[in-house]
N, C-alpha and C. Protein backbone atom coordinates (compact mmCIF):
# COMPACT_ATOMS: atom_id res chain seq x y z
N MET A 1 11.13 -6.86 -10.69
CA MET A 1 11.44 -5.59 -10.03
C MET A 1 11.84 -4.56 -11.07
N ARG A 2 11.38 -3.34 -10.91
CA ARG A 2 11.71 -2.28 -11.86
C ARG A 2 13.19 -1.92 -11.75
N LYS A 3 13.84 -1.68 -12.88
CA LYS A 3 15.24 -1.29 -12.92
C LYS A 3 15.37 0.03 -13.66
N PRO A 4 15.12 1.17 -13.00
CA PRO A 4 15.07 2.43 -13.71
C PRO A 4 16.43 3.00 -14.05
N GLY A 5 17.52 2.43 -13.47
CA GLY A 5 18.81 3.08 -13.62
C GLY A 5 18.89 4.28 -12.70
N ARG A 6 20.03 4.93 -12.67
CA ARG A 6 20.18 6.06 -11.76
C ARG A 6 19.37 7.24 -12.26
N ARG A 7 18.57 7.84 -11.34
CA ARG A 7 17.81 9.03 -11.67
C ARG A 7 18.69 10.26 -11.54
N THR A 8 18.49 11.22 -12.43
CA THR A 8 19.23 12.47 -12.34
C THR A 8 18.48 13.41 -11.41
N LEU A 9 19.06 13.69 -10.26
CA LEU A 9 18.42 14.53 -9.26
C LEU A 9 19.36 15.64 -8.81
N ASN A 10 18.80 16.81 -8.62
CA ASN A 10 19.52 17.91 -8.00
C ASN A 10 19.18 17.90 -6.52
N PRO A 11 20.12 17.50 -5.65
CA PRO A 11 19.81 17.36 -4.22
C PRO A 11 19.19 18.60 -3.60
N SER A 12 19.50 19.77 -4.12
CA SER A 12 18.97 21.00 -3.55
C SER A 12 17.47 21.15 -3.81
N ARG A 13 16.96 20.38 -4.76
CA ARG A 13 15.54 20.46 -5.10
C ARG A 13 14.74 19.28 -4.54
N VAL A 14 15.38 18.44 -3.72
CA VAL A 14 14.71 17.27 -3.15
C VAL A 14 14.49 17.47 -1.66
N SER A 15 13.27 17.26 -1.22
CA SER A 15 12.95 17.26 0.21
C SER A 15 12.45 15.87 0.58
N VAL A 16 12.86 15.39 1.74
CA VAL A 16 12.48 14.06 2.19
C VAL A 16 11.77 14.18 3.54
N PHE A 17 10.69 13.43 3.68
CA PHE A 17 9.87 13.50 4.89
C PHE A 17 9.69 12.11 5.49
N GLU A 18 9.57 12.08 6.79
CA GLU A 18 9.13 10.86 7.46
C GLU A 18 7.61 10.81 7.40
N VAL A 19 7.07 9.64 7.06
CA VAL A 19 5.62 9.44 7.02
C VAL A 19 5.28 8.10 7.65
N ARG A 20 4.02 7.92 7.93
CA ARG A 20 3.54 6.62 8.42
C ARG A 20 2.50 6.12 7.44
N LEU A 21 2.98 5.43 6.41
CA LEU A 21 2.11 4.96 5.34
C LEU A 21 2.30 3.47 5.09
N GLN A 22 2.41 2.71 6.17
CA GLN A 22 2.53 1.27 6.02
C GLN A 22 1.15 0.64 5.81
N CYS A 23 1.14 -0.48 5.11
CA CYS A 23 -0.12 -1.21 4.87
C CYS A 23 -0.68 -1.75 6.18
N GLU A 24 -1.97 -1.68 6.34
CA GLU A 24 -2.60 -2.23 7.54
C GLU A 24 -2.52 -3.75 7.55
N ALA A 25 -2.54 -4.37 6.39
CA ALA A 25 -2.51 -5.83 6.30
C ALA A 25 -1.11 -6.37 6.09
N ALA A 26 -0.18 -5.54 5.62
CA ALA A 26 1.20 -5.95 5.37
C ALA A 26 2.12 -4.82 5.81
N PRO A 27 2.36 -4.70 7.12
CA PRO A 27 3.08 -3.54 7.65
C PRO A 27 4.51 -3.38 7.15
N GLU A 28 5.05 -4.40 6.50
CA GLU A 28 6.42 -4.31 6.01
C GLU A 28 6.53 -3.54 4.70
N ILE A 29 5.40 -3.20 4.08
CA ILE A 29 5.45 -2.44 2.83
C ILE A 29 4.54 -1.21 2.92
N GLY A 30 4.77 -0.27 2.02
CA GLY A 30 3.96 0.94 1.99
C GLY A 30 2.55 0.66 1.49
N CYS A 31 1.63 1.51 1.90
CA CYS A 31 0.22 1.34 1.54
C CYS A 31 -0.09 2.10 0.25
N GLY A 32 -0.27 1.36 -0.83
CA GLY A 32 -0.59 2.00 -2.10
C GLY A 32 -1.91 2.72 -2.08
N LEU A 33 -2.90 2.15 -1.39
CA LEU A 33 -4.24 2.73 -1.35
C LEU A 33 -4.23 4.12 -0.72
N LYS A 34 -3.50 4.28 0.37
CA LYS A 34 -3.43 5.58 1.04
C LYS A 34 -2.47 6.53 0.34
N ALA A 35 -1.39 5.97 -0.18
CA ALA A 35 -0.36 6.82 -0.77
C ALA A 35 -0.77 7.41 -2.12
N LYS A 36 -1.53 6.67 -2.90
CA LYS A 36 -1.83 7.09 -4.27
C LYS A 36 -2.49 8.47 -4.34
N PRO A 37 -3.61 8.72 -3.63
CA PRO A 37 -4.22 10.06 -3.72
C PRO A 37 -3.33 11.16 -3.15
N LEU A 38 -2.52 10.83 -2.15
CA LEU A 38 -1.59 11.82 -1.59
C LEU A 38 -0.54 12.20 -2.62
N LEU A 39 0.08 11.22 -3.24
CA LEU A 39 1.10 11.49 -4.25
C LEU A 39 0.52 12.24 -5.44
N GLN A 40 -0.69 11.87 -5.84
CA GLN A 40 -1.34 12.57 -6.96
C GLN A 40 -1.57 14.04 -6.64
N ASP A 41 -2.06 14.31 -5.43
CA ASP A 41 -2.31 15.70 -5.05
C ASP A 41 -1.02 16.49 -4.92
N LEU A 42 0.03 15.85 -4.42
CA LEU A 42 1.33 16.54 -4.31
C LEU A 42 1.85 16.92 -5.70
N GLU A 43 1.71 16.01 -6.66
CA GLU A 43 2.23 16.29 -8.00
C GLU A 43 1.36 17.28 -8.76
N ARG A 44 0.17 17.58 -8.24
CA ARG A 44 -0.66 18.62 -8.86
C ARG A 44 -0.26 20.02 -8.40
N LEU A 45 0.51 20.10 -7.33
CA LEU A 45 0.95 21.41 -6.86
C LEU A 45 1.92 22.01 -7.87
N PRO A 46 1.79 23.31 -8.15
CA PRO A 46 2.64 23.92 -9.17
C PRO A 46 4.13 23.89 -8.84
N GLY A 47 4.47 23.78 -7.57
CA GLY A 47 5.88 23.81 -7.21
C GLY A 47 6.54 22.45 -7.14
N ILE A 48 5.79 21.38 -7.43
CA ILE A 48 6.34 20.03 -7.28
C ILE A 48 6.35 19.31 -8.62
N GLU A 49 7.49 18.75 -8.94
CA GLU A 49 7.67 18.02 -10.19
C GLU A 49 7.36 16.53 -10.03
N GLN A 50 7.81 15.95 -8.89
CA GLN A 50 7.62 14.53 -8.64
C GLN A 50 7.39 14.29 -7.15
N ALA A 51 6.65 13.23 -6.84
CA ALA A 51 6.47 12.80 -5.45
C ALA A 51 6.63 11.28 -5.41
N TRP A 52 7.41 10.80 -4.43
CA TRP A 52 7.76 9.39 -4.36
C TRP A 52 7.53 8.85 -2.95
N LEU A 53 7.11 7.59 -2.85
CA LEU A 53 7.04 6.87 -1.58
C LEU A 53 8.01 5.70 -1.64
N ASN A 54 8.75 5.48 -0.54
CA ASN A 54 9.64 4.32 -0.55
C ASN A 54 8.88 3.04 -0.24
N ARG A 55 9.52 1.93 -0.49
CA ARG A 55 8.84 0.63 -0.40
C ARG A 55 8.30 0.34 1.00
N THR A 56 9.03 0.76 2.02
CA THR A 56 8.60 0.45 3.38
C THR A 56 7.58 1.45 3.92
N GLY A 57 7.24 2.48 3.16
CA GLY A 57 6.18 3.39 3.55
C GLY A 57 6.52 4.35 4.67
N ASN A 58 7.81 4.55 4.94
CA ASN A 58 8.19 5.48 6.02
C ASN A 58 8.95 6.71 5.54
N ARG A 59 9.13 6.83 4.22
CA ARG A 59 9.78 8.00 3.66
C ARG A 59 9.01 8.48 2.42
N LEU A 60 8.85 9.77 2.31
CA LEU A 60 8.24 10.38 1.13
C LEU A 60 9.18 11.47 0.65
N ALA A 61 9.46 11.46 -0.64
CA ALA A 61 10.36 12.45 -1.22
C ALA A 61 9.64 13.26 -2.28
N ILE A 62 9.91 14.55 -2.31
CA ILE A 62 9.38 15.38 -3.38
C ILE A 62 10.54 16.05 -4.11
N VAL A 63 10.38 16.15 -5.42
CA VAL A 63 11.35 16.87 -6.25
C VAL A 63 10.69 18.16 -6.68
N LYS A 64 11.27 19.27 -6.25
CA LYS A 64 10.67 20.58 -6.48
C LYS A 64 11.14 21.17 -7.81
N VAL A 65 10.30 22.02 -8.37
CA VAL A 65 10.71 22.78 -9.55
C VAL A 65 11.66 23.88 -9.08
N ALA A 66 12.39 24.45 -10.01
CA ALA A 66 13.44 25.41 -9.64
C ALA A 66 12.89 26.63 -8.91
N GLN A 67 11.67 27.06 -9.24
CA GLN A 67 11.12 28.28 -8.65
C GLN A 67 10.27 28.03 -7.42
N PHE A 68 10.43 26.86 -6.79
CA PHE A 68 9.68 26.54 -5.57
C PHE A 68 9.98 27.58 -4.50
N ASP A 69 8.92 28.09 -3.85
CA ASP A 69 9.12 29.12 -2.82
C ASP A 69 8.33 28.78 -1.56
N GLU A 70 8.25 29.72 -0.63
CA GLU A 70 7.57 29.48 0.64
C GLU A 70 6.09 29.17 0.46
N ALA A 71 5.48 29.73 -0.55
CA ALA A 71 4.07 29.44 -0.82
C ALA A 71 3.88 27.95 -1.10
N GLY A 72 4.90 27.34 -1.70
CA GLY A 72 4.84 25.91 -1.97
C GLY A 72 4.81 25.10 -0.69
N ASP A 73 5.58 25.54 0.31
CA ASP A 73 5.57 24.85 1.61
C ASP A 73 4.18 24.92 2.24
N GLU A 74 3.51 26.05 2.08
CA GLU A 74 2.16 26.19 2.62
C GLU A 74 1.20 25.23 1.93
N SER A 75 1.35 25.07 0.61
CA SER A 75 0.50 24.13 -0.13
C SER A 75 0.75 22.69 0.30
N LEU A 76 2.01 22.37 0.62
CA LEU A 76 2.33 21.05 1.14
C LEU A 76 1.54 20.76 2.41
N GLY A 77 1.49 21.76 3.28
CA GLY A 77 0.75 21.62 4.52
C GLY A 77 -0.73 21.38 4.28
N GLU A 78 -1.28 22.04 3.29
CA GLU A 78 -2.70 21.86 2.97
C GLU A 78 -2.98 20.43 2.50
N VAL A 79 -2.11 19.90 1.66
CA VAL A 79 -2.29 18.53 1.18
C VAL A 79 -2.13 17.55 2.34
N SER A 80 -1.16 17.81 3.20
CA SER A 80 -0.94 16.95 4.36
C SER A 80 -2.18 16.90 5.25
N ARG A 81 -2.77 18.06 5.50
CA ARG A 81 -3.97 18.10 6.35
C ARG A 81 -5.16 17.45 5.67
N LYS A 82 -5.29 17.64 4.36
CA LYS A 82 -6.40 17.04 3.62
C LYS A 82 -6.40 15.52 3.76
N HIS A 83 -5.23 14.92 3.68
CA HIS A 83 -5.13 13.46 3.72
C HIS A 83 -4.85 12.93 5.13
N ARG A 84 -4.71 13.84 6.08
CA ARG A 84 -4.45 13.46 7.47
C ARG A 84 -3.20 12.59 7.59
N ILE A 85 -2.19 12.97 6.84
CA ILE A 85 -0.91 12.26 6.87
C ILE A 85 0.18 13.29 7.16
N ALA A 86 0.81 13.16 8.30
CA ALA A 86 1.85 14.11 8.69
C ALA A 86 3.09 13.93 7.83
N LEU A 87 3.66 15.04 7.38
CA LEU A 87 4.92 15.04 6.64
C LEU A 87 5.97 15.69 7.54
N ARG A 88 6.81 14.89 8.16
CA ARG A 88 7.82 15.40 9.09
C ARG A 88 9.17 15.46 8.38
N PRO A 89 9.75 16.64 8.22
CA PRO A 89 11.04 16.74 7.52
C PRO A 89 12.09 15.80 8.12
N LEU A 90 12.76 15.07 7.24
CA LEU A 90 13.80 14.16 7.68
C LEU A 90 15.01 14.97 8.12
N GLY A 91 15.73 14.47 9.11
CA GLY A 91 16.87 15.20 9.64
C GLY A 91 18.17 14.93 8.91
N SER A 92 19.13 14.37 9.62
CA SER A 92 20.50 14.26 9.10
C SER A 92 20.66 13.21 8.01
N ASP A 93 19.68 12.34 7.82
CA ASP A 93 19.82 11.26 6.82
C ASP A 93 19.36 11.67 5.42
N VAL A 94 19.09 12.97 5.21
CA VAL A 94 18.59 13.40 3.91
C VAL A 94 19.53 13.05 2.76
N PRO A 95 20.84 13.34 2.83
CA PRO A 95 21.72 12.99 1.70
C PRO A 95 21.67 11.50 1.36
N MET A 96 21.63 10.64 2.38
CA MET A 96 21.57 9.21 2.13
C MET A 96 20.24 8.83 1.47
N ALA A 97 19.14 9.45 1.92
CA ALA A 97 17.83 9.15 1.35
C ALA A 97 17.76 9.62 -0.11
N VAL A 98 18.33 10.78 -0.40
CA VAL A 98 18.34 11.30 -1.77
C VAL A 98 19.15 10.38 -2.67
N ASP A 99 20.29 9.90 -2.16
CA ASP A 99 21.12 8.99 -2.95
C ASP A 99 20.39 7.68 -3.19
N HIS A 100 19.64 7.21 -2.19
CA HIS A 100 18.86 5.98 -2.35
C HIS A 100 17.77 6.16 -3.39
N LEU A 101 17.10 7.32 -3.36
CA LEU A 101 16.08 7.62 -4.35
C LEU A 101 16.67 7.64 -5.76
N ALA A 102 17.87 8.18 -5.89
CA ALA A 102 18.50 8.28 -7.20
C ALA A 102 18.85 6.91 -7.77
N ASP A 103 19.24 5.97 -6.90
CA ASP A 103 19.75 4.68 -7.36
C ASP A 103 18.76 3.53 -7.32
N SER A 104 17.79 3.60 -6.42
CA SER A 104 17.00 2.42 -6.10
C SER A 104 15.71 2.31 -6.91
N SER A 105 15.29 1.07 -7.14
CA SER A 105 13.99 0.81 -7.76
C SER A 105 12.89 0.72 -6.70
N LEU A 106 13.26 0.89 -5.43
CA LEU A 106 12.31 0.69 -4.33
C LEU A 106 11.63 1.98 -3.92
N TRP A 107 11.38 2.85 -4.87
CA TRP A 107 10.60 4.08 -4.67
C TRP A 107 9.50 4.11 -5.73
N TYR A 108 8.35 4.65 -5.37
CA TYR A 108 7.17 4.54 -6.23
C TYR A 108 6.48 5.90 -6.35
N ARG A 109 6.12 6.26 -7.57
CA ARG A 109 5.25 7.41 -7.80
C ARG A 109 3.80 6.92 -7.82
N ALA A 110 2.86 7.85 -7.99
CA ALA A 110 1.44 7.50 -7.90
C ALA A 110 1.04 6.40 -8.89
N ASP A 111 1.63 6.42 -10.08
CA ASP A 111 1.26 5.43 -11.08
C ASP A 111 1.80 4.03 -10.76
N ASP A 112 2.74 3.96 -9.82
CA ASP A 112 3.40 2.69 -9.52
C ASP A 112 2.92 2.02 -8.23
N VAL A 113 2.27 2.78 -7.33
CA VAL A 113 1.98 2.22 -6.00
C VAL A 113 0.93 1.11 -6.03
N ASP A 114 0.24 0.95 -7.15
CA ASP A 114 -0.66 -0.20 -7.26
C ASP A 114 0.10 -1.51 -7.11
N GLN A 115 1.39 -1.50 -7.42
CA GLN A 115 2.21 -2.70 -7.22
C GLN A 115 2.23 -3.10 -5.75
N LEU A 116 2.29 -2.10 -4.88
CA LEU A 116 2.27 -2.37 -3.44
C LEU A 116 0.92 -2.92 -3.01
N SER A 117 -0.15 -2.37 -3.58
CA SER A 117 -1.49 -2.87 -3.26
C SER A 117 -1.66 -4.31 -3.73
N SER A 118 -1.06 -4.65 -4.86
CA SER A 118 -1.14 -6.03 -5.36
C SER A 118 -0.42 -6.97 -4.40
N GLU A 119 0.71 -6.51 -3.88
CA GLU A 119 1.43 -7.33 -2.89
C GLU A 119 0.60 -7.50 -1.63
N GLU A 120 -0.04 -6.42 -1.20
CA GLU A 120 -0.88 -6.50 -0.01
C GLU A 120 -2.03 -7.48 -0.24
N ALA A 121 -2.61 -7.45 -1.43
CA ALA A 121 -3.71 -8.37 -1.74
C ALA A 121 -3.27 -9.82 -1.62
N ARG A 122 -2.07 -10.12 -2.07
CA ARG A 122 -1.58 -11.49 -1.98
C ARG A 122 -1.34 -11.88 -0.52
N VAL A 123 -0.80 -10.96 0.26
CA VAL A 123 -0.58 -11.24 1.69
C VAL A 123 -1.90 -11.57 2.37
N ILE A 124 -2.94 -10.77 2.07
CA ILE A 124 -4.25 -11.01 2.67
C ILE A 124 -4.78 -12.39 2.28
N ALA A 125 -4.71 -12.70 0.99
CA ALA A 125 -5.22 -13.99 0.49
C ALA A 125 -4.50 -15.15 1.16
N MET A 126 -3.19 -15.08 1.24
CA MET A 126 -2.41 -16.17 1.84
C MET A 126 -2.71 -16.29 3.33
N ARG A 127 -2.90 -15.15 3.99
CA ARG A 127 -3.20 -15.16 5.42
C ARG A 127 -4.55 -15.85 5.69
N LEU A 128 -5.57 -15.49 4.92
CA LEU A 128 -6.90 -16.06 5.14
C LEU A 128 -6.93 -17.55 4.84
N VAL A 129 -6.26 -17.95 3.78
CA VAL A 129 -6.23 -19.37 3.43
C VAL A 129 -5.42 -20.16 4.46
N LYS A 130 -4.38 -19.56 4.98
CA LYS A 130 -3.59 -20.23 6.03
C LYS A 130 -4.44 -20.46 7.28
N ARG A 131 -5.25 -19.46 7.64
CA ARG A 131 -6.16 -19.63 8.79
C ARG A 131 -7.13 -20.79 8.53
N LEU A 132 -7.65 -20.83 7.30
CA LEU A 132 -8.58 -21.90 6.95
C LEU A 132 -7.89 -23.25 7.01
N ARG A 133 -6.67 -23.32 6.52
CA ARG A 133 -5.94 -24.59 6.46
C ARG A 133 -5.65 -25.16 7.85
N HIS A 134 -5.59 -24.30 8.84
CA HIS A 134 -5.38 -24.79 10.20
C HIS A 134 -6.56 -25.63 10.70
N ARG A 135 -7.71 -25.44 10.06
CA ARG A 135 -8.93 -26.13 10.53
C ARG A 135 -9.55 -27.04 9.49
N VAL A 136 -9.19 -26.84 8.23
CA VAL A 136 -9.78 -27.63 7.13
C VAL A 136 -8.66 -28.14 6.23
N GLN A 137 -8.73 -29.39 5.86
CA GLN A 137 -7.71 -29.95 4.97
C GLN A 137 -7.98 -29.54 3.53
N LEU A 138 -6.95 -29.00 2.89
CA LEU A 138 -7.03 -28.60 1.48
C LEU A 138 -5.90 -29.28 0.73
N ASN A 139 -6.17 -29.73 -0.50
CA ASN A 139 -5.06 -30.23 -1.31
C ASN A 139 -4.36 -29.06 -1.97
N ASP A 140 -3.21 -29.31 -2.56
CA ASP A 140 -2.39 -28.24 -3.13
C ASP A 140 -3.14 -27.46 -4.21
N SER A 141 -3.86 -28.18 -5.04
CA SER A 141 -4.60 -27.53 -6.12
C SER A 141 -5.68 -26.60 -5.58
N GLN A 142 -6.44 -27.09 -4.59
CA GLN A 142 -7.47 -26.25 -3.97
C GLN A 142 -6.87 -24.98 -3.36
N GLU A 143 -5.77 -25.17 -2.65
CA GLU A 143 -5.14 -24.04 -1.97
C GLU A 143 -4.67 -22.98 -2.96
N LYS A 144 -4.01 -23.42 -4.02
CA LYS A 144 -3.49 -22.48 -5.01
C LYS A 144 -4.63 -21.71 -5.69
N LYS A 145 -5.69 -22.42 -6.06
CA LYS A 145 -6.83 -21.76 -6.72
C LYS A 145 -7.50 -20.76 -5.78
N LEU A 146 -7.63 -21.15 -4.51
CA LEU A 146 -8.27 -20.28 -3.53
C LEU A 146 -7.44 -19.02 -3.28
N VAL A 147 -6.14 -19.20 -3.12
CA VAL A 147 -5.26 -18.05 -2.90
C VAL A 147 -5.32 -17.11 -4.09
N ARG A 148 -5.20 -17.66 -5.28
CA ARG A 148 -5.18 -16.82 -6.48
C ARG A 148 -6.49 -16.06 -6.65
N SER A 149 -7.62 -16.73 -6.46
CA SER A 149 -8.91 -16.08 -6.64
C SER A 149 -9.13 -15.00 -5.58
N MET A 150 -8.72 -15.27 -4.35
CA MET A 150 -8.88 -14.27 -3.29
C MET A 150 -7.92 -13.10 -3.49
N GLU A 151 -6.74 -13.38 -4.01
CA GLU A 151 -5.79 -12.31 -4.32
C GLU A 151 -6.38 -11.34 -5.34
N VAL A 152 -7.00 -11.88 -6.38
CA VAL A 152 -7.64 -11.05 -7.40
C VAL A 152 -8.77 -10.23 -6.79
N ALA A 153 -9.59 -10.87 -5.95
CA ALA A 153 -10.72 -10.18 -5.33
C ALA A 153 -10.25 -9.05 -4.41
N CYS A 154 -9.19 -9.31 -3.63
CA CYS A 154 -8.67 -8.27 -2.72
C CYS A 154 -8.03 -7.13 -3.50
N ALA A 155 -7.30 -7.46 -4.56
CA ALA A 155 -6.68 -6.42 -5.38
C ALA A 155 -7.74 -5.52 -5.99
N ASN A 156 -8.86 -6.10 -6.38
CA ASN A 156 -9.95 -5.31 -6.94
C ASN A 156 -10.45 -4.29 -5.93
N GLN A 157 -10.53 -4.69 -4.67
CA GLN A 157 -10.99 -3.76 -3.63
C GLN A 157 -9.95 -2.70 -3.31
N LEU A 158 -8.68 -3.06 -3.33
CA LEU A 158 -7.62 -2.13 -2.95
C LEU A 158 -7.24 -1.17 -4.08
N ILE A 159 -7.42 -1.62 -5.32
CA ILE A 159 -6.95 -0.81 -6.45
C ILE A 159 -8.10 -0.20 -7.24
N ARG A 160 -9.10 -1.01 -7.59
CA ARG A 160 -10.16 -0.51 -8.46
C ARG A 160 -11.42 -0.06 -7.72
N ASN A 161 -11.53 -0.43 -6.45
CA ASN A 161 -12.70 -0.02 -5.67
C ASN A 161 -12.27 0.45 -4.28
N PRO A 162 -11.31 1.39 -4.24
CA PRO A 162 -10.71 1.75 -2.95
C PRO A 162 -11.63 2.63 -2.09
N THR A 163 -11.46 2.49 -0.79
CA THR A 163 -12.12 3.38 0.15
C THR A 163 -11.12 3.73 1.25
N GLN A 164 -11.14 4.98 1.69
CA GLN A 164 -10.23 5.40 2.75
C GLN A 164 -10.80 5.08 4.13
N SER A 165 -12.04 4.59 4.19
CA SER A 165 -12.64 4.21 5.46
C SER A 165 -12.20 2.80 5.84
N ALA A 166 -11.53 2.65 6.98
CA ALA A 166 -11.07 1.34 7.42
C ALA A 166 -12.24 0.39 7.65
N VAL A 167 -13.35 0.92 8.18
CA VAL A 167 -14.53 0.10 8.45
C VAL A 167 -15.12 -0.42 7.14
N ASP A 168 -15.29 0.47 6.17
CA ASP A 168 -15.83 0.05 4.87
C ASP A 168 -14.89 -0.92 4.17
N ARG A 169 -13.59 -0.66 4.28
CA ARG A 169 -12.62 -1.54 3.62
C ARG A 169 -12.69 -2.95 4.20
N LYS A 170 -12.77 -3.07 5.51
CA LYS A 170 -12.88 -4.38 6.14
C LYS A 170 -14.14 -5.11 5.66
N ARG A 171 -15.25 -4.38 5.59
CA ARG A 171 -16.50 -4.98 5.16
C ARG A 171 -16.43 -5.42 3.70
N ARG A 172 -15.90 -4.56 2.84
CA ARG A 172 -15.84 -4.88 1.42
C ARG A 172 -14.93 -6.08 1.14
N ILE A 173 -13.78 -6.11 1.81
CA ILE A 173 -12.86 -7.23 1.60
C ILE A 173 -13.48 -8.53 2.09
N ALA A 174 -14.15 -8.48 3.24
CA ALA A 174 -14.82 -9.67 3.77
C ALA A 174 -15.87 -10.18 2.79
N GLN A 175 -16.65 -9.27 2.23
CA GLN A 175 -17.67 -9.66 1.26
C GLN A 175 -17.03 -10.27 0.01
N ALA A 176 -15.94 -9.67 -0.44
CA ALA A 176 -15.28 -10.14 -1.66
C ALA A 176 -14.71 -11.55 -1.48
N VAL A 177 -14.05 -11.79 -0.36
CA VAL A 177 -13.44 -13.12 -0.17
C VAL A 177 -14.50 -14.18 0.12
N LEU A 178 -15.60 -13.78 0.76
CA LEU A 178 -16.69 -14.73 0.98
C LEU A 178 -17.33 -15.15 -0.34
N LYS A 179 -17.42 -14.21 -1.25
CA LYS A 179 -17.96 -14.54 -2.58
C LYS A 179 -17.07 -15.56 -3.27
N VAL A 180 -15.77 -15.38 -3.15
CA VAL A 180 -14.83 -16.34 -3.72
C VAL A 180 -14.98 -17.70 -3.04
N ALA A 181 -15.06 -17.67 -1.71
CA ALA A 181 -15.19 -18.93 -0.97
C ALA A 181 -16.43 -19.71 -1.40
N ASN A 182 -17.52 -19.00 -1.66
CA ASN A 182 -18.75 -19.66 -2.12
C ASN A 182 -18.56 -20.38 -3.45
N GLU A 183 -17.61 -19.92 -4.24
CA GLU A 183 -17.36 -20.54 -5.54
C GLU A 183 -16.42 -21.74 -5.43
N HIS A 184 -15.66 -21.82 -4.32
CA HIS A 184 -14.63 -22.87 -4.22
C HIS A 184 -14.85 -23.85 -3.07
N LEU A 185 -15.66 -23.49 -2.08
CA LEU A 185 -15.82 -24.33 -0.89
C LEU A 185 -17.28 -24.72 -0.69
N LYS A 186 -17.48 -25.78 0.06
CA LYS A 186 -18.84 -26.23 0.36
C LYS A 186 -18.94 -26.68 1.82
N GLY A 187 -20.15 -26.73 2.30
CA GLY A 187 -20.43 -27.33 3.60
C GLY A 187 -19.64 -26.74 4.75
N ALA A 188 -19.01 -27.67 5.52
CA ALA A 188 -18.28 -27.27 6.72
C ALA A 188 -17.12 -26.33 6.39
N ALA A 189 -16.44 -26.57 5.29
CA ALA A 189 -15.30 -25.73 4.92
C ALA A 189 -15.75 -24.30 4.68
N LEU A 190 -16.89 -24.12 4.05
CA LEU A 190 -17.41 -22.79 3.79
C LEU A 190 -17.81 -22.11 5.10
N ALA A 191 -18.40 -22.85 6.00
CA ALA A 191 -18.78 -22.29 7.30
C ALA A 191 -17.56 -21.85 8.09
N VAL A 192 -16.51 -22.66 8.02
CA VAL A 192 -15.27 -22.30 8.72
C VAL A 192 -14.67 -21.04 8.11
N PHE A 193 -14.69 -20.95 6.79
CA PHE A 193 -14.11 -19.76 6.17
C PHE A 193 -14.91 -18.51 6.53
N ALA A 194 -16.20 -18.62 6.68
CA ALA A 194 -17.01 -17.47 7.09
C ALA A 194 -16.53 -16.95 8.45
N GLU A 195 -16.15 -17.84 9.34
CA GLU A 195 -15.59 -17.44 10.63
C GLU A 195 -14.23 -16.79 10.44
N VAL A 196 -13.43 -17.35 9.55
CA VAL A 196 -12.10 -16.81 9.25
C VAL A 196 -12.21 -15.37 8.73
N ALA A 197 -13.10 -15.16 7.78
CA ALA A 197 -13.26 -13.83 7.19
C ALA A 197 -13.76 -12.83 8.20
N GLN A 198 -14.57 -13.28 9.13
CA GLN A 198 -15.14 -12.38 10.14
C GLN A 198 -14.05 -11.80 11.04
N ARG A 199 -12.94 -12.47 11.16
CA ARG A 199 -11.84 -12.00 12.00
C ARG A 199 -11.03 -10.90 11.32
N GLY A 200 -11.34 -10.61 10.07
CA GLY A 200 -10.71 -9.49 9.37
C GLY A 200 -9.46 -9.89 8.61
N HIS A 201 -8.98 -8.96 7.79
CA HIS A 201 -7.84 -9.24 6.92
C HIS A 201 -6.51 -8.77 7.50
N ARG A 202 -6.56 -8.02 8.60
CA ARG A 202 -5.31 -7.58 9.23
C ARG A 202 -4.68 -8.73 10.00
N PRO A 203 -3.36 -8.66 10.24
CA PRO A 203 -2.72 -9.74 10.99
C PRO A 203 -3.21 -9.79 12.43
N LEU A 204 -3.52 -10.99 12.89
CA LEU A 204 -3.87 -11.21 14.28
C LEU A 204 -2.59 -11.46 15.09
N PRO A 205 -2.64 -11.39 16.40
CA PRO A 205 -1.43 -11.65 17.20
C PRO A 205 -0.79 -12.98 16.81
N GLY A 206 0.49 -12.94 16.53
CA GLY A 206 1.21 -14.14 16.14
C GLY A 206 1.26 -14.40 14.65
N GLU A 207 0.48 -13.62 13.87
CA GLU A 207 0.49 -13.78 12.41
C GLU A 207 1.47 -12.81 11.78
N GLN A 208 1.92 -13.18 10.59
CA GLN A 208 2.78 -12.29 9.82
C GLN A 208 2.01 -11.72 8.64
């Protein structure tokens, strides 16, 4: 875990927003794939020095430059509309959120959110292998190799080959994990995994 120490922040220059940026496959953490281009575009605005997403993906904070004015608020709206992500100003909890941003390692800028995508990739890999294990017997070595290889394949899709289309993302991830399965499984086990992958990488009812 990153240990940045306390950040020096001027509370008057920090705005905090409610957002809905949770991972589709791991709703307990923020979505690096969706957050990264948003944070990058926010930090390109002349009035913004930094943009941060919290770990759970429900808060976004911006640190404004001293000369930030009303025109900057208009630019924020343009970025929000471009990415189709609503930025709702946080109410009475702003001081607490600013203090948390100053002290916590659980906030991420654009260069850091790939860590969240890596976590999501592992969740997906473990979920798919768990589904397979319910129907096919795997030894510990097979399971570990399969999880690790699928984690790498999913991370590649989420970080190095990202798409904002949910349909394309589902298709690409299914293709990637099937390619891995072809390298590690044979016969009936491979056929079962093809059915597993077809059900998608998001959690099904009753799954975590």
